[in-house]
Amino acid sequence: MTLRYSLGDFDFDASTELDTKENYLYWIIWFLTVVMTCVVFLNFIIAEASNSYQEVKDRLTAIVNMEKASLIEEAEYMTFSKYKDEKLFPKYVIIREIET
């Protein structure tokens, strides 16, 4: 029944057969069940969104560098051959980084 409640399949026919005290208890349990399932499902959705965001954030630097390299390659391909000399367009790029 909890799964059916969480999916929105509410069956209120049972509440018509109950006396006053049981009816109050029925509605309290129904309300708590609906609230708890909403909290659990929203927590699951937030966790999945956070996980996806973290995966993208971890790969962001690599993706940005790949796009920069692609744009540089495209710009060099479109440059006229008479402007391409070894000094402006070296065969290898040397990167120096400061160690920390």
C-alpha atoms as a PDB file:
ATOM      1  CA  MET A   1       0.000   0.000   0.000  1.00  0.00           C
ATOM      2  CA  THR A   2       2.897   2.373   0.667  1.00  0.00           C
ATOM      3  CA  LEU A   3       4.071   2.022  -2.926  1.00  0.00           C
ATOM      4  CA  ARG A   4       0.558   2.676  -4.204  1.00  0.00           C
ATOM      5  CA  TYR A   5       0.318   5.765  -1.978  1.00  0.00           C
ATOM      6  CA  SER A   6       3.667   7.037  -3.200  1.00  0.00           C
ATOM      7  CA  LEU A   7       2.484   6.723  -6.788  1.00  0.00           C
ATOM      8  CA  GLY A   8      -0.707   8.657  -6.030  1.00  0.00           C
ATOM      9  CA  ASP A   9      -3.121   5.726  -6.033  1.00  0.00           C
ATOM     10  CA  PHE A  10      -5.249   6.684  -3.045  1.00  0.00           C
ATOM     11  CA  ASP A  11      -8.169   4.465  -2.032  1.00  0.00           C
ATOM     12  CA  PHE A  12     -10.329   6.191   0.568  1.00  0.00           C
ATOM     13  CA  ASP A  13     -13.116   3.590   0.668  1.00  0.00           C
ATOM     14  CA  ALA A  14     -11.708   2.039   3.848  1.00  0.00           C
ATOM     15  CA  SER A  15     -12.159   5.280   5.790  1.00  0.00           C
ATOM     16  CA  THR A  16     -15.953   5.130   5.388  1.00  0.00           C
ATOM     17  CA  GLU A  17     -16.128   1.814   7.251  1.00  0.00           C
ATOM     18  CA  LEU A  18     -14.241   3.020  10.349  1.00  0.00           C
ATOM     19  CA  ASP A  19     -15.524   4.590  13.547  1.00  0.00           C
ATOM     20  CA  THR A  20     -14.366   8.073  14.633  1.00  0.00           C
ATOM     21  CA  LYS A  21     -11.166   7.125  16.487  1.00  0.00           C
ATOM     22  CA  GLU A  22     -10.065   4.692  13.789  1.00  0.00           C
ATOM     23  CA  ASN A  23     -10.865   7.281  11.131  1.00  0.00           C
ATOM     24  CA  TYR A  24      -8.601   9.850  12.833  1.00  0.00           C
ATOM     25  CA  LEU A  25      -5.841   7.256  13.095  1.00  0.00           C
ATOM     26  CA  TYR A  26      -6.354   6.313   9.432  1.00  0.00           C
ATOM     27  CA  TRP A  27      -5.930   9.911   8.274  1.00  0.00           C
ATOM     28  CA  ILE A  28      -2.896  10.531  10.509  1.00  0.00           C
ATOM     29  CA  ILE A  29      -1.157   7.419   9.176  1.00  0.00           C
ATOM     30  CA  TRP A  30      -2.154   8.328   5.603  1.00  0.00           C
ATOM     31  CA  PHE A  31      -0.727  11.841   5.978  1.00  0.00           C
ATOM     32  CA  LEU A  32       2.518  10.595   7.534  1.00  0.00           C
ATOM     33  CA  THR A  33       2.929   7.975   4.796  1.00  0.00           C
ATOM     34  CA  VAL A  34       2.423  10.519   2.012  1.00  0.00           C
ATOM     35  CA  VAL A  35       4.797  13.045   3.602  1.00  0.00           C
ATOM     36  CA  MET A  36       7.513  10.465   4.266  1.00  0.00           C
ATOM     37  CA  THR A  37       7.383   9.021   0.747  1.00  0.00           C
ATOM     38  CA  CYS A  38       7.615  12.535  -0.710  1.00  0.00           C
ATOM     39  CA  VAL A  39      10.627  13.303   1.471  1.00  0.00           C
ATOM     40  CA  VAL A  40      12.351  10.044   0.500  1.00  0.00           C
ATOM     41  CA  PHE A  41      11.720  10.522  -3.227  1.00  0.00           C
ATOM     42  CA  LEU A  42      12.818  14.176  -3.173  1.00  0.00           C
ATOM     43  CA  ASN A  43      15.953  13.194  -1.279  1.00  0.00           C
ATOM     44  CA  PHE A  44      16.690  10.574  -3.945  1.00  0.00           C
ATOM     45  CA  ILE A  45      16.205  13.110  -6.746  1.00  0.00           C
ATOM     46  CA  ILE A  46      18.496  15.636  -5.034  1.00  0.00           C
ATOM     47  CA  ALA A  47      21.166  12.968  -4.508  1.00  0.00           C
ATOM     48  CA  GLU A  48      21.076  11.947  -8.178  1.00  0.00           C
ATOM     49  CA  ALA A  49      21.266  15.575  -9.349  1.00  0.00           C
ATOM     50  CA  SER A  50      24.227  16.219  -7.045  1.00  0.00           C
ATOM     51  CA  ASN A  51      25.991  13.119  -8.320  1.00  0.00           C
ATOM     52  CA  SER A  52      25.503  14.162 -11.953  1.00  0.00           C
ATOM     53  CA  TYR A  53      26.742  17.676 -11.195  1.00  0.00           C
ATOM     54  CA  GLN A  54      29.846  16.298  -9.465  1.00  0.00           C
ATOM     55  CA  GLU A  55      30.664  14.052 -12.449  1.00  0.00           C
ATOM     56  CA  VAL A  56      30.411  16.982 -14.869  1.00  0.00           C
ATOM     57  CA  LYS A  57      32.446  19.206 -12.563  1.00  0.00           C
ATOM     58  CA  ASP A  58      35.199  16.575 -12.325  1.00  0.00           C
ATOM     59  CA  ARG A  59      35.484  16.333 -16.117  1.00  0.00           C
ATOM     60  CA  LEU A  60      35.026  20.048 -16.828  1.00  0.00           C
ATOM     61  CA  THR A  61      38.726  20.945 -17.108  1.00  0.00           C
ATOM     62  CA  ALA A  62      39.376  18.139 -19.582  1.00  0.00           C
ATOM     63  CA  ILE A  63      36.358  19.109 -21.684  1.00  0.00           C
ATOM     64  CA  VAL A  64      37.372  22.804 -21.759  1.00  0.00           C
ATOM     65  CA  ASN A  65      40.923  21.904 -22.804  1.00  0.00           C
ATOM     66  CA  MET A  66      39.631  19.599 -25.546  1.00  0.00           C
ATOM     67  CA  GLU A  67      37.399  22.377 -26.900  1.00  0.00           C
ATOM     68  CA  LYS A  68      40.286  24.874 -26.837  1.00  0.00           C
ATOM     69  CA  ALA A  69      42.501  22.419 -28.726  1.00  0.00           C
ATOM     70  CA  SER A  70      39.741  21.829 -31.253  1.00  0.00           C
ATOM     71  CA  LEU A  71      39.312  25.578 -31.848  1.00  0.00           C
ATOM     72  CA  ILE A  72      43.078  26.066 -32.224  1.00  0.00           C
ATOM     73  CA  GLU A  73      43.266  23.186 -34.697  1.00  0.00           C
ATOM     74  CA  GLU A  74      40.377  24.597 -36.699  1.00  0.00           C
ATOM     75  CA  ALA A  75      41.936  28.088 -36.778  1.00  0.00           C
ATOM     76  CA  GLU A  76      45.282  26.676 -37.933  1.00  0.00           C
ATOM     77  CA  TYR A  77      43.569  24.624 -40.633  1.00  0.00           C
ATOM     78  CA  MET A  78      41.798  27.725 -41.991  1.00  0.00           C
ATOM     79  CA  THR A  79      44.981  29.857 -42.021  1.00  0.00           C
ATOM     80  CA  PHE A  80      46.537  30.377 -45.454  1.00  0.00           C
ATOM     81  CA  SER A  81      49.625  28.255 -46.077  1.00  0.00           C
ATOM     82  CA  LYS A  82      51.800  31.298 -46.942  1.00  0.00           C
ATOM     83  CA  TYR A  83      51.356  32.529 -43.338  1.00  0.00           C
ATOM     84  CA  LYS A  84      52.279  29.187 -41.798  1.00  0.00           C
ATOM     85  CA  ASP A  85      55.940  29.147 -40.893  1.00  0.00           C
ATOM     86  CA  GLU A  86      57.817  27.106 -38.291  1.00  0.00           C
ATOM     87  CA  LYS A  87      58.134  30.031 -35.899  1.00  0.00           C
ATOM     88  CA  LEU A  88      54.419  30.874 -35.730  1.00  0.00           C
ATOM     89  CA  PHE A  89      53.154  27.286 -36.025  1.00  0.00           C
ATOM     90  CA  PRO A  90      55.655  24.951 -34.387  1.00  0.00           C
ATOM     91  CA  LYS A  91      55.271  21.213 -34.726  1.00  0.00           C
ATOM     92  CA  TYR A  92      55.326  20.702 -30.944  1.00  0.00           C
ATOM     93  CA  VAL A  93      54.104  22.831 -28.070  1.00  0.00           C
ATOM     94  CA  ILE A  94      56.212  22.912 -24.934  1.00  0.00           C
ATOM     95  CA  ILE A  95      54.391  23.645 -21.692  1.00  0.00           C
ATOM     96  CA  ARG A  96      56.256  24.627 -18.581  1.00  0.00           C
ATOM     97  CA  GLU A  97      54.571  24.605 -15.207  1.00  0.00           C
ATOM     98  CA  ILE A  98      55.782  25.786 -11.829  1.00  0.00           C
ATOM     99  CA  GLU A  99      55.910  22.998  -9.275  1.00  0.00           C
ATOM    100  CA  THR A 100      54.167  23.721  -6.033  1.00  0.00           C
END
